[in-house]
């Protein structure tokens, strides 16, 4: 489990794969100077509610990964997360879309 720390006061645990994807989305928006909300469901052990933070380029964020290797990134998931981040509700975690694998069959009619 990785950890997102917001303004040195709030920490939230996320799977390393999830954390890598939200880091890309958050980084892209903050690089453009865009402010937005980020909402996620809390761990059931912590009350099973939800948390929302206001992300602003001046507020420090830290991403701490548990694993030593960078997870591979799913472009479709990044795009889906970016769609939520660009909405009035802000960034929300959505399930990772599975990459469709096209199977091509070649027939030899000779």
PDB file of N, CA and C in Angstrom:
ATOM      1  N   UNK A   1       0.829  -1.180   0.000  1.00  0.00           N
ATOM      2  CA  UNK A   1       0.000   0.000   0.000  1.00  0.00           C
ATOM      3  C   UNK A   1       0.875   1.246   0.000  1.00  0.00           C
ATOM      4  N   UNK A   2       0.570   2.146  -0.921  1.00  0.00           N
ATOM      5  CA  UNK A   2       1.254   3.419  -0.961  1.00  0.00           C
ATOM      6  C   UNK A   2       0.510   4.435  -0.114  1.00  0.00           C
ATOM      7  N   UNK A   3       1.093   5.594   0.017  1.00  0.00           N
ATOM      8  CA  UNK A   3       0.502   6.619   0.882  1.00  0.00           C
ATOM      9  C   UNK A   3       0.574   7.975   0.188  1.00  0.00           C
ATOM     10  N   UNK A   4      -0.564   8.663   0.178  1.00  0.00           N
ATOM     11  CA  UNK A   4      -0.640  10.040  -0.283  1.00  0.00           C
ATOM     12  C   UNK A   4      -0.723  10.913   0.960  1.00  0.00           C
ATOM     13  N   UNK A   5       0.208  11.854   1.088  1.00  0.00           N
ATOM     14  CA  UNK A   5       0.188  12.778   2.220  1.00  0.00           C
ATOM     15  C   UNK A   5      -0.096  14.169   1.683  1.00  0.00           C
ATOM     16  N   UNK A   6      -1.098  14.803   2.275  1.00  0.00           N
ATOM     17  CA  UNK A   6      -1.588  16.115   1.848  1.00  0.00           C
ATOM     18  C   UNK A   6      -1.220  17.153   2.902  1.00  0.00           C
ATOM     19  N   UNK A   7      -0.452  18.137   2.514  1.00  0.00           N
ATOM     20  CA  UNK A   7      -0.104  19.262   3.383  1.00  0.00           C
ATOM     21  C   UNK A   7       0.496  18.814   4.724  1.00  0.00           C
ATOM     22  N   UNK A   8       1.158  17.698   4.731  1.00  0.00           N
ATOM     23  CA  UNK A   8       1.808  17.136   5.919  1.00  0.00           C
ATOM     24  C   UNK A   8       0.851  16.856   7.067  1.00  0.00           C
ATOM     25  N   UNK A   9      -0.455  16.924   6.826  1.00  0.00           N
ATOM     26  CA  UNK A   9      -1.406  16.744   7.919  1.00  0.00           C
ATOM     27  C   UNK A   9      -2.363  15.576   7.715  1.00  0.00           C
ATOM     28  N   UNK A  10      -2.613  15.190   6.487  1.00  0.00           N
ATOM     29  CA  UNK A  10      -3.563  14.130   6.190  1.00  0.00           C
ATOM     30  C   UNK A  10      -2.884  13.092   5.328  1.00  0.00           C
ATOM     31  N   UNK A  11      -3.000  11.831   5.707  1.00  0.00           N
ATOM     32  CA  UNK A  11      -2.448  10.740   4.903  1.00  0.00           C
ATOM     33  C   UNK A  11      -3.554   9.767   4.569  1.00  0.00           C
ATOM     34  N   UNK A  12      -3.489   9.228   3.354  1.00  0.00           N
ATOM     35  CA  UNK A  12      -4.455   8.231   2.911  1.00  0.00           C
ATOM     36  C   UNK A  12      -3.697   7.111   2.209  1.00  0.00           C
ATOM     37  N   UNK A  13      -4.092   5.882   2.485  1.00  0.00           N
ATOM     38  CA  UNK A  13      -3.448   4.716   1.888  1.00  0.00           C
ATOM     39  C   UNK A  13      -4.175   4.302   0.617  1.00  0.00           C
ATOM     40  N   UNK A  14      -3.393   4.028  -0.420  1.00  0.00           N
ATOM     41  CA  UNK A  14      -3.909   3.553  -1.697  1.00  0.00           C
ATOM     42  C   UNK A  14      -2.991   2.444  -2.189  1.00  0.00           C
ATOM     43  N   UNK A  15      -3.536   1.522  -2.941  1.00  0.00           N
ATOM     44  CA  UNK A  15      -2.724   0.526  -3.618  1.00  0.00           C
ATOM     45  C   UNK A  15      -1.717   1.259  -4.507  1.00  0.00           C
ATOM     46  N   UNK A  16      -0.496   0.726  -4.612  1.00  0.00           N
ATOM     47  CA  UNK A  16       0.538   1.391  -5.417  1.00  0.00           C
ATOM     48  C   UNK A  16       0.073   1.676  -6.841  1.00  0.00           C
ATOM     49  N   UNK A  17      -0.682   0.740  -7.432  1.00  0.00           N
ATOM     50  CA  UNK A  17      -1.157   0.922  -8.810  1.00  0.00           C
ATOM     51  C   UNK A  17      -2.132   2.096  -8.888  1.00  0.00           C
ATOM     52  N   UNK A  18      -3.041   2.179  -7.944  1.00  0.00           N
ATOM     53  CA  UNK A  18      -3.994   3.298  -7.899  1.00  0.00           C
ATOM     54  C   UNK A  18      -3.232   4.605  -7.689  1.00  0.00           C
ATOM     55  N   UNK A  19      -2.302   4.599  -6.749  1.00  0.00           N
ATOM     56  CA  UNK A  19      -1.537   5.806  -6.433  1.00  0.00           C
ATOM     57  C   UNK A  19      -0.764   6.319  -7.644  1.00  0.00           C
ATOM     58  N   UNK A  20      -0.188   5.415  -8.421  1.00  0.00           N
ATOM     59  CA  UNK A  20       0.566   5.819  -9.611  1.00  0.00           C
ATOM     60  C   UNK A  20      -0.336   6.521 -10.622  1.00  0.00           C
ATOM     61  N   UNK A  21      -1.549   6.022 -10.786  1.00  0.00           N
ATOM     62  CA  UNK A  21      -2.469   6.617 -11.742  1.00  0.00           C
ATOM     63  C   UNK A  21      -2.992   7.969 -11.266  1.00  0.00           C
ATOM     64  N   UNK A  22      -3.323   8.076  -9.988  1.00  0.00           N
ATOM     65  CA  UNK A  22      -3.811   9.370  -9.525  1.00  0.00           C
ATOM     66  C   UNK A  22      -2.677  10.402  -9.481  1.00  0.00           C
ATOM     67  N   UNK A  23      -1.439   9.949  -9.298  1.00  0.00           N
ATOM     68  CA  UNK A  23      -0.306  10.878  -9.333  1.00  0.00           C
ATOM     69  C   UNK A  23      -0.185  11.514 -10.720  1.00  0.00           C
ATOM     70  N   UNK A  24      -0.373  10.723 -11.758  1.00  0.00           N
ATOM     71  CA  UNK A  24      -0.288  11.257 -13.122  1.00  0.00           C
ATOM     72  C   UNK A  24      -1.378  12.307 -13.353  1.00  0.00           C
ATOM     73  N   UNK A  25      -2.608  11.989 -12.933  1.00  0.00           N
ATOM     74  CA  UNK A  25      -3.730  12.906 -13.136  1.00  0.00           C
ATOM     75  C   UNK A  25      -3.545  14.181 -12.314  1.00  0.00           C
ATOM     76  N   UNK A  26      -3.229  14.028 -11.046  1.00  0.00           N
ATOM     77  CA  UNK A  26      -3.034  15.198 -10.176  1.00  0.00           C
ATOM     78  C   UNK A  26      -1.881  16.059 -10.698  1.00  0.00           C
ATOM     79  N   UNK A  27      -0.785  15.423 -11.064  1.00  0.00           N
ATOM     80  CA  UNK A  27       0.369  16.168 -11.579  1.00  0.00           C
ATOM     81  C   UNK A  27       0.042  16.958 -12.832  1.00  0.00           C
ATOM     82  N   UNK A  28      -0.719  16.361 -13.734  1.00  0.00           N
ATOM     83  CA  UNK A  28      -1.075  17.047 -14.984  1.00  0.00           C
ATOM     84  C   UNK A  28      -1.919  18.290 -14.697  1.00  0.00           C
ATOM     85  N   UNK A  29      -2.873  18.157 -13.805  1.00  0.00           N
ATOM     86  CA  UNK A  29      -3.739  19.295 -13.507  1.00  0.00           C
ATOM     87  C   UNK A  29      -2.996  20.392 -12.732  1.00  0.00           C
ATOM     88  N   UNK A  30      -2.181  20.003 -11.770  1.00  0.00           N
ATOM     89  CA  UNK A  30      -1.458  21.006 -10.990  1.00  0.00           C
ATOM     90  C   UNK A  30      -0.393  21.716 -11.829  1.00  0.00           C
ATOM     91  N   UNK A  31       0.214  21.002 -12.782  1.00  0.00           N
ATOM     92  CA  UNK A  31       1.180  21.641 -13.682  1.00  0.00           C
ATOM     93  C   UNK A  31       0.536  22.775 -14.478  1.00  0.00           C
ATOM     94  N   UNK A  32      -0.754  22.603 -14.782  1.00  0.00           N
ATOM     95  CA  UNK A  32      -1.486  23.639 -15.528  1.00  0.00           C
ATOM     96  C   UNK A  32      -2.057  24.714 -14.598  1.00  0.00           C
ATOM     97  N   UNK A  33      -1.764  24.605 -13.306  1.00  0.00           N
ATOM     98  CA  UNK A  33      -2.250  25.583 -12.339  1.00  0.00           C
ATOM     99  C   UNK A  33      -3.719  25.426 -11.990  1.00  0.00           C
ATOM    100  N   UNK A  34      -4.280  24.254 -12.268  1.00  0.00           N
ATOM    101  CA  UNK A  34      -5.702  24.012 -12.004  1.00  0.00           C
ATOM    102  C   UNK A  34      -5.904  23.502 -10.578  1.00  0.00           C
ATOM    103  N   UNK A  35      -6.907  24.031  -9.905  1.00  0.00           N
ATOM    104  CA  UNK A  35      -7.296  23.593  -8.567  1.00  0.00           C
ATOM    105  C   UNK A  35      -8.532  22.712  -8.718  1.00  0.00           C
ATOM    106  N   UNK A  36      -8.681  21.705  -7.847  1.00  0.00           N
ATOM    107  CA  UNK A  36      -9.808  20.792  -7.958  1.00  0.00           C
ATOM    108  C   UNK A  36      -9.926  19.964  -6.686  1.00  0.00           C
ATOM    109  N   UNK A  37     -11.088  19.326  -6.529  1.00  0.00           N
ATOM    110  CA  UNK A  37     -11.320  18.414  -5.415  1.00  0.00           C
ATOM    111  C   UNK A  37     -10.850  17.015  -5.774  1.00  0.00           C
ATOM    112  N   UNK A  38     -10.489  16.251  -4.762  1.00  0.00           N
ATOM    113  CA  UNK A  38     -10.210  14.821  -4.893  1.00  0.00           C
ATOM    114  C   UNK A  38     -10.969  14.127  -3.769  1.00  0.00           C
ATOM    115  N   UNK A  39     -11.860  13.216  -4.133  1.00  0.00           N
ATOM    116  CA  UNK A  39     -12.694  12.497  -3.172  1.00  0.00           C
ATOM    117  C   UNK A  39     -12.455  11.001  -3.305  1.00  0.00           C
ATOM    118  N   UNK A  40     -12.379  10.324  -2.167  1.00  0.00           N
ATOM    119  CA  UNK A  40     -12.230   8.860  -2.156  1.00  0.00           C
ATOM    120  C   UNK A  40     -12.998   8.279  -0.981  1.00  0.00           C
ATOM    121  N   UNK A  41     -13.264   6.978  -1.061  1.00  0.00           N
ATOM    122  CA  UNK A  41     -13.914   6.248   0.032  1.00  0.00           C
ATOM    123  C   UNK A  41     -12.862   5.902   1.065  1.00  0.00           C
ATOM    124  N   UNK A  42     -13.214   6.108   2.326  1.00  0.00           N
ATOM    125  CA  UNK A  42     -12.301   5.774   3.411  1.00  0.00           C
ATOM    126  C   UNK A  42     -12.296   4.274   3.668  1.00  0.00           C
ATOM    127  N   UNK A  43     -11.238   3.817   4.278  1.00  0.00           N
ATOM    128  CA  UNK A  43     -11.125   2.430   4.700  1.00  0.00           C
ATOM    129  C   UNK A  43     -12.241   2.135   5.696  1.00  0.00           C
ATOM    130  N   UNK A  44     -12.910   0.984   5.561  1.00  0.00           N
ATOM    131  CA  UNK A  44     -13.979   0.645   6.514  1.00  0.00           C
ATOM    132  C   UNK A  44     -13.531   0.687   7.976  1.00  0.00           C
ATOM    133  N   UNK A  45     -12.257   0.433   8.230  1.00  0.00           N
ATOM    134  CA  UNK A  45     -11.756   0.482   9.599  1.00  0.00           C
ATOM    135  C   UNK A  45     -11.711   1.913  10.135  1.00  0.00           C
ATOM    136  N   UNK A  46     -11.729   2.881   9.232  1.00  0.00           N
ATOM    137  CA  UNK A  46     -11.668   4.282   9.640  1.00  0.00           C
ATOM    138  C   UNK A  46     -13.019   4.969   9.623  1.00  0.00           C
ATOM    139  N   UNK A  47     -14.093   4.189   9.533  1.00  0.00           N
ATOM    140  CA  UNK A  47     -15.421   4.784   9.581  1.00  0.00           C
ATOM    141  C   UNK A  47     -16.253   4.579   8.330  1.00  0.00           C
ATOM    142  N   UNK A  48     -15.653   4.049   7.269  1.00  0.00           N
ATOM    143  CA  UNK A  48     -16.364   3.725   6.029  1.00  0.00           C
ATOM    144  C   UNK A  48     -17.064   4.939   5.407  1.00  0.00           C
ATOM    145  N   UNK A  49     -16.522   6.109   5.612  1.00  0.00           N
ATOM    146  CA  UNK A  49     -17.084   7.314   5.006  1.00  0.00           C
ATOM    147  C   UNK A  49     -16.317   7.672   3.748  1.00  0.00           C
ATOM    148  N   UNK A  50     -16.217   8.956   3.518  1.00  0.00           N
ATOM    149  CA  UNK A  50     -15.425   9.438   2.385  1.00  0.00           C
ATOM    150  C   UNK A  50     -14.669  10.676   2.811  1.00  0.00           C
ATOM    151  N   UNK A  51     -13.616  10.956   2.091  1.00  0.00           N
ATOM    152  CA  UNK A  51     -12.803  12.140   2.358  1.00  0.00           C
ATOM    153  C   UNK A  51     -12.678  12.941   1.074  1.00  0.00           C
ATOM    154  N   UNK A  52     -12.598  14.256   1.218  1.00  0.00           N
ATOM    155  CA  UNK A  52     -12.395  15.150   0.083  1.00  0.00           C
ATOM    156  C   UNK A  52     -11.338  16.174   0.471  1.00  0.00           C
ATOM    157  N   UNK A  53     -10.404  16.401  -0.440  1.00  0.00           N
ATOM    158  CA  UNK A  53      -9.396  17.436  -0.238  1.00  0.00           C
ATOM    159  C   UNK A  53      -9.437  18.396  -1.426  1.00  0.00           C
ATOM    160  N   UNK A  54      -9.030  19.622  -1.186  1.00  0.00           N
ATOM    161  CA  UNK A  54      -8.906  20.640  -2.225  1.00  0.00           C
ATOM    162  C   UNK A  54      -7.448  20.654  -2.659  1.00  0.00           C
ATOM    163  N   UNK A  55      -7.208  20.376  -3.926  1.00  0.00           N
ATOM    164  CA  UNK A  55      -5.842  20.342  -4.437  1.00  0.00           C
ATOM    165  C   UNK A  55      -5.519  21.664  -5.118  1.00  0.00           C
ATOM    166  N   UNK A  56      -4.381  22.218  -4.739  1.00  0.00           N
ATOM    167  CA  UNK A  56      -3.918  23.513  -5.225  1.00  0.00           C
ATOM    168  C   UNK A  56      -2.410  23.410  -5.407  1.00  0.00           C
ATOM    169  N   UNK A  57      -1.846  24.049  -6.434  1.00  0.00           N
ATOM    170  CA  UNK A  57      -0.402  23.936  -6.669  1.00  0.00           C
ATOM    171  C   UNK A  57       0.472  24.343  -5.479  1.00  0.00           C
ATOM    172  N   UNK A  58      -0.028  25.182  -4.576  1.00  0.00           N
ATOM    173  CA  UNK A  58       0.775  25.639  -3.441  1.00  0.00           C
ATOM    174  C   UNK A  58       0.729  24.693  -2.242  1.00  0.00           C
ATOM    175  N   UNK A  59      -0.150  23.690  -2.291  1.00  0.00           N
ATOM    176  CA  UNK A  59      -0.274  22.760  -1.165  1.00  0.00           C
ATOM    177  C   UNK A  59       0.602  21.539  -1.435  1.00  0.00           C
ATOM    178  N   UNK A  60       1.525  21.225  -0.529  1.00  0.00           N
ATOM    179  CA  UNK A  60       2.442  20.111  -0.777  1.00  0.00           C
ATOM    180  C   UNK A  60       1.745  18.739  -0.721  1.00  0.00           C
ATOM    181  N   UNK A  61       2.160  17.886  -1.643  1.00  0.00           N
ATOM    182  CA  UNK A  61       1.713  16.496  -1.699  1.00  0.00           C
ATOM    183  C   UNK A  61       2.933  15.596  -1.703  1.00  0.00           C
ATOM    184  N   UNK A  62       2.814  14.460  -1.055  1.00  0.00           N
ATOM    185  CA  UNK A  62       3.875  13.461  -1.079  1.00  0.00           C
ATOM    186  C   UNK A  62       3.265  12.122  -1.467  1.00  0.00           C
ATOM    187  N   UNK A  63       3.913  11.424  -2.384  1.00  0.00           N
ATOM    188  CA  UNK A  63       3.497  10.091  -2.793  1.00  0.00           C
ATOM    189  C   UNK A  63       4.558   9.121  -2.299  1.00  0.00           C
ATOM    190  N   UNK A  64       4.193   8.191  -1.469  1.00  0.00           N
ATOM    191  CA  UNK A  64       5.132   7.196  -0.933  1.00  0.00           C
ATOM    192  C   UNK A  64       4.635   5.818  -1.367  1.00  0.00           C
ATOM    193  N   UNK A  65       5.478   5.118  -2.129  1.00  0.00           N
ATOM    194  CA  UNK A  65       5.112   3.798  -2.646  1.00  0.00           C
ATOM    195  C   UNK A  65       5.723   2.711  -1.783  1.00  0.00           C
ATOM    196  N   UNK A  66       4.981   1.650  -1.603  1.00  0.00           N
ATOM    197  CA  UNK A  66       5.470   0.517  -0.825  1.00  0.00           C
ATOM    198  C   UNK A  66       6.444  -0.313  -1.665  1.00  0.00           C
ATOM    199  N   UNK A  67       6.084  -0.581  -2.903  1.00  0.00           N
ATOM    200  CA  UNK A  67       6.916  -1.418  -3.774  1.00  0.00           C
ATOM    201  C   UNK A  67       8.053  -0.634  -4.397  1.00  0.00           C
ATOM    202  N   UNK A  68       9.089  -1.345  -4.793  1.00  0.00           N
ATOM    203  CA  UNK A  68      10.261  -0.721  -5.388  1.00  0.00           C
ATOM    204  C   UNK A  68      10.143  -0.479  -6.880  1.00  0.00           C
ATOM    205  N   UNK A  69       9.186  -1.141  -7.535  1.00  0.00           N
ATOM    206  CA  UNK A  69       9.032  -0.987  -8.986  1.00  0.00           C
ATOM    207  C   UNK A  69       7.828  -0.110  -9.301  1.00  0.00           C
ATOM    208  N   UNK A  70       7.972   0.675 -10.358  1.00  0.00           N
ATOM    209  CA  UNK A  70       6.861   1.511 -10.802  1.00  0.00           C
ATOM    210  C   UNK A  70       5.825   0.634 -11.498  1.00  0.00           C
ATOM    211  N   UNK A  71       4.548   0.769 -11.123  1.00  0.00           N
ATOM    212  CA  UNK A  71       3.515  -0.010 -11.804  1.00  0.00           C
ATOM    213  C   UNK A  71       3.363   0.451 -13.256  1.00  0.00           C
ATOM    214  N   UNK A  72       2.956  -0.458 -14.128  1.00  0.00           N
ATOM    215  CA  UNK A  72       2.669  -0.052 -15.504  1.00  0.00           C
ATOM    216  C   UNK A  72       1.398   0.794 -15.483  1.00  0.00           C
ATOM    217  N   UNK A  73       1.320   1.724 -16.412  1.00  0.00           N
ATOM    218  CA  UNK A  73       0.182   2.644 -16.441  1.00  0.00           C
ATOM    219  C   UNK A  73      -0.790   2.259 -17.550  1.00  0.00           C
ATOM    220  N   UNK A  74      -2.069   2.400 -17.248  1.00  0.00           N
ATOM    221  CA  UNK A  74      -3.140   2.113 -18.184  1.00  0.00           C
ATOM    222  C   UNK A  74      -3.677   3.461 -18.673  1.00  0.00           C
ATOM    223  N   UNK A  75      -3.396   3.779 -19.929  1.00  0.00           N
ATOM    224  CA  UNK A  75      -3.796   5.075 -20.498  1.00  0.00           C
ATOM    225  C   UNK A  75      -5.312   5.270 -20.430  1.00  0.00           C
ATOM    226  N   UNK A  76      -6.082   4.210 -20.659  1.00  0.00           N
ATOM    227  CA  UNK A  76      -7.546   4.327 -20.605  1.00  0.00           C
ATOM    228  C   UNK A  76      -8.008   4.715 -19.200  1.00  0.00           C
ATOM    229  N   UNK A  77      -7.361   4.175 -18.182  1.00  0.00           N
ATOM    230  CA  UNK A  77      -7.730   4.502 -16.807  1.00  0.00           C
ATOM    231  C   UNK A  77      -7.365   5.948 -16.487  1.00  0.00           C
ATOM    232  N   UNK A  78      -6.197   6.383 -16.941  1.00  0.00           N
ATOM    233  CA  UNK A  78      -5.787   7.777 -16.737  1.00  0.00           C
ATOM    234  C   UNK A  78      -6.810   8.712 -17.373  1.00  0.00           C
ATOM    235  N   UNK A  79      -7.259   8.386 -18.584  1.00  0.00           N
ATOM    236  CA  UNK A  79      -8.246   9.218 -19.266  1.00  0.00           C
ATOM    237  C   UNK A  79      -9.578   9.234 -18.509  1.00  0.00           C
ATOM    238  N   UNK A  80      -9.992   8.088 -17.985  1.00  0.00           N
ATOM    239  CA  UNK A  80     -11.244   8.015 -17.213  1.00  0.00           C
ATOM    240  C   UNK A  80     -11.128   8.829 -15.921  1.00  0.00           C
ATOM    241  N   UNK A  81      -9.981   8.732 -15.259  1.00  0.00           N
ATOM    242  CA  UNK A  81      -9.762   9.522 -14.040  1.00  0.00           C
ATOM    243  C   UNK A  81      -9.718  11.012 -14.363  1.00  0.00           C
ATOM    244  N   UNK A  82      -9.105  11.365 -15.486  1.00  0.00           N
ATOM    245  CA  UNK A  82      -9.008  12.769 -15.886  1.00  0.00           C
ATOM    246  C   UNK A  82     -10.392  13.344 -16.184  1.00  0.00           C
ATOM    247  N   UNK A  83     -11.283  12.534 -16.745  1.00  0.00           N
ATOM    248  CA  UNK A  83     -12.650  12.997 -16.994  1.00  0.00           C
ATOM    249  C   UNK A  83     -13.331  13.395 -15.683  1.00  0.00           C
ATOM    250  N   UNK A  84     -13.152  12.587 -14.649  1.00  0.00           N
ATOM    251  CA  UNK A  84     -13.759  12.939 -13.365  1.00  0.00           C
ATOM    252  C   UNK A  84     -13.090  14.180 -12.789  1.00  0.00           C
ATOM    253  N   UNK A  85     -11.777  14.273 -12.925  1.00  0.00           N
ATOM    254  CA  UNK A  85     -11.041  15.422 -12.371  1.00  0.00           C
ATOM    255  C   UNK A  85     -11.467  16.730 -13.030  1.00  0.00           C
ATOM    256  N   UNK A  86     -11.878  16.659 -14.283  1.00  0.00           N
ATOM    257  CA  UNK A  86     -12.296  17.855 -15.011  1.00  0.00           C
ATOM    258  C   UNK A  86     -13.761  18.205 -14.771  1.00  0.00           C
ATOM    259  N   UNK A  87     -14.470  17.384 -14.007  1.00  0.00           N
ATOM    260  CA  UNK A  87     -15.882  17.648 -13.716  1.00  0.00           C
ATOM    261  C   UNK A  87     -16.001  18.551 -12.489  1.00  0.00           C
ATOM    262  N   UNK A  88     -17.196  19.053 -12.236  1.00  0.00           N
ATOM    263  CA  UNK A  88     -17.408  19.934 -11.080  1.00  0.00           C
ATOM    264  C   UNK A  88     -17.226  19.187  -9.757  1.00  0.00           C
ATOM    265  N   UNK A  89     -17.406  17.862  -9.759  1.00  0.00           N
ATOM    266  CA  UNK A  89     -17.220  17.070  -8.545  1.00  0.00           C
ATOM    267  C   UNK A  89     -15.774  16.758  -8.245  1.00  0.00           C
ATOM    268  N   UNK A  90     -14.890  16.971  -9.202  1.00  0.00           N
ATOM    269  CA  UNK A  90     -13.472  16.712  -9.005  1.00  0.00           C
ATOM    270  C   UNK A  90     -13.088  15.260  -9.198  1.00  0.00           C
ATOM    271  N   UNK A  91     -11.824  14.976  -8.941  1.00  0.00           N
ATOM    272  CA  UNK A  91     -11.258  13.635  -9.142  1.00  0.00           C
ATOM    273  C   UNK A  91     -11.926  12.634  -8.219  1.00  0.00           C
ATOM    274  N   UNK A  92     -12.397  11.546  -8.814  1.00  0.00           N
ATOM    275  CA  UNK A  92     -12.993  10.443  -8.070  1.00  0.00           C
ATOM    276  C   UNK A  92     -12.405   9.157  -8.618  1.00  0.00           C
ATOM    277  N   UNK A  93     -12.178   8.211  -7.736  1.00  0.00           N
ATOM    278  CA  UNK A  93     -11.642   6.932  -8.182  1.00  0.00           C
ATOM    279  C   UNK A  93     -12.732   6.161  -8.913  1.00  0.00           C
ATOM    280  N   UNK A  94     -12.401   5.698 -10.098  1.00  0.00           N
ATOM    281  CA  UNK A  94     -13.294   4.863 -10.891  1.00  0.00           C
ATOM    282  C   UNK A  94     -12.569   3.548 -11.147  1.00  0.00           C
ATOM    283  N   UNK A  95     -13.311   2.470 -11.374  1.00  0.00           N
ATOM    284  CA  UNK A  95     -12.653   1.184 -11.617  1.00  0.00           C
ATOM    285  C   UNK A  95     -11.762   1.233 -12.860  1.00  0.00           C
ATOM    286  N   UNK A  96     -10.698   0.471 -12.811  1.00  0.00           N
ATOM    287  CA  UNK A  96      -9.793   0.408 -13.955  1.00  0.00           C
ATOM    288  C   UNK A  96     -10.453  -0.334 -15.099  1.00  0.00           C
ATOM    289  N   UNK A  97     -10.538   0.308 -16.276  1.00  0.00           N
ATOM    290  CA  UNK A  97     -11.098  -0.413 -17.425  1.00  0.00           C
ATOM    291  C   UNK A  97     -10.107  -1.477 -17.891  1.00  0.00           C
ATOM    292  N   UNK A  98     -10.647  -2.596 -18.286  1.00  0.00           N
ATOM    293  CA  UNK A  98      -9.782  -3.658 -18.801  1.00  0.00           C
ATOM    294  C   UNK A  98      -9.477  -3.375 -20.259  1.00  0.00           C
ATOM    295  N   UNK A  99      -8.247  -3.586 -20.599  1.00  0.00           N
ATOM    296  CA  UNK A  99      -7.849  -3.369 -21.988  1.00  0.00           C
ATOM    297  C   UNK A  99      -8.429  -4.475 -22.842  1.00  0.00           C
ATOM    298  N   UNK A 100      -9.118  -4.072 -23.898  1.00  0.00           N
ATOM    299  CA  UNK A 100      -9.694  -5.053 -24.812  1.00  0.00           C
ATOM    300  C   UNK A 100      -8.574  -5.603 -25.691  1.00  0.00           C
ATOM    301  N   UNK A 101      -8.509  -6.897 -25.754  1.00  0.00           N
ATOM    302  CA  UNK A 101      -7.509  -7.541 -26.588  1.00  0.00           C
ATOM    303  C   UNK A 101      -8.176  -7.997 -27.872  1.00  0.00           C
ATOM    304  N   UNK A 102      -7.755  -7.451 -28.966  1.00  0.00           N
ATOM    305  CA  UNK A 102      -8.327  -7.827 -30.254  1.00  0.00           C
ATOM    306  C   UNK A 102      -7.664  -9.114 -30.728  1.00  0.00           C
ATOM    307  N   UNK A 103      -8.489 -10.039 -31.135  1.00  0.00           N
ATOM    308  CA  UNK A 103      -7.982 -11.292 -31.693  1.00  0.00           C
ATOM    309  C   UNK A 103      -8.213 -11.245 -33.185  1.00  0.00           C
ATOM    310  N   UNK A 104      -7.161 -11.342 -33.922  1.00  0.00           N
ATOM    311  CA  UNK A 104      -7.254 -11.293 -35.379  1.00  0.00           C
ATOM    312  C   UNK A 104      -7.018 -12.695 -35.900  1.00  0.00           C
ATOM    313  N   UNK A 105      -7.985 -13.161 -36.699  1.00  0.00           N
ATOM    314  CA  UNK A 105      -7.857 -14.477 -37.322  1.00  0.00           C
ATOM    315  C   UNK A 105      -7.638 -14.286 -38.801  1.00  0.00           C
ATOM    316  N   UNK A 106      -6.600 -14.898 -39.323  1.00  0.00           N
ATOM    317  CA  UNK A 106      -6.291 -14.793 -40.736  1.00  0.00           C
ATOM    318  C   UNK A 106      -6.656 -16.095 -41.401  1.00  0.00           C
ATOM    319  N   UNK A 107      -7.510 -16.016 -42.438  1.00  0.00           N
ATOM    320  CA  UNK A 107      -7.903 -17.208 -43.181  1.00  0.00           C
ATOM    321  C   UNK A 107      -7.105 -17.258 -44.476  1.00  0.00           C
ATOM    322  N   UNK A 108      -6.637 -18.420 -44.778  1.00  0.00           N
ATOM    323  CA  UNK A 108      -5.950 -18.624 -46.048  1.00  0.00           C
ATOM    324  C   UNK A 108      -6.893 -19.423 -46.933  1.00  0.00           C
ATOM    325  N   UNK A 109      -7.514 -18.767 -47.911  1.00  0.00           N
ATOM    326  CA  UNK A 109      -8.481 -19.408 -48.786  1.00  0.00           C
ATOM    327  C   UNK A 109      -7.850 -20.070 -50.001  1.00  0.00           C
ATOM    328  N   UNK A 110      -6.562 -20.242 -50.030  1.00  0.00           N
ATOM    329  CA  UNK A 110      -5.943 -20.843 -51.208  1.00  0.00           C
ATOM    330  C   UNK A 110      -5.919 -22.335 -51.155  1.00  0.00           C
TER     331      UNK A 110
END
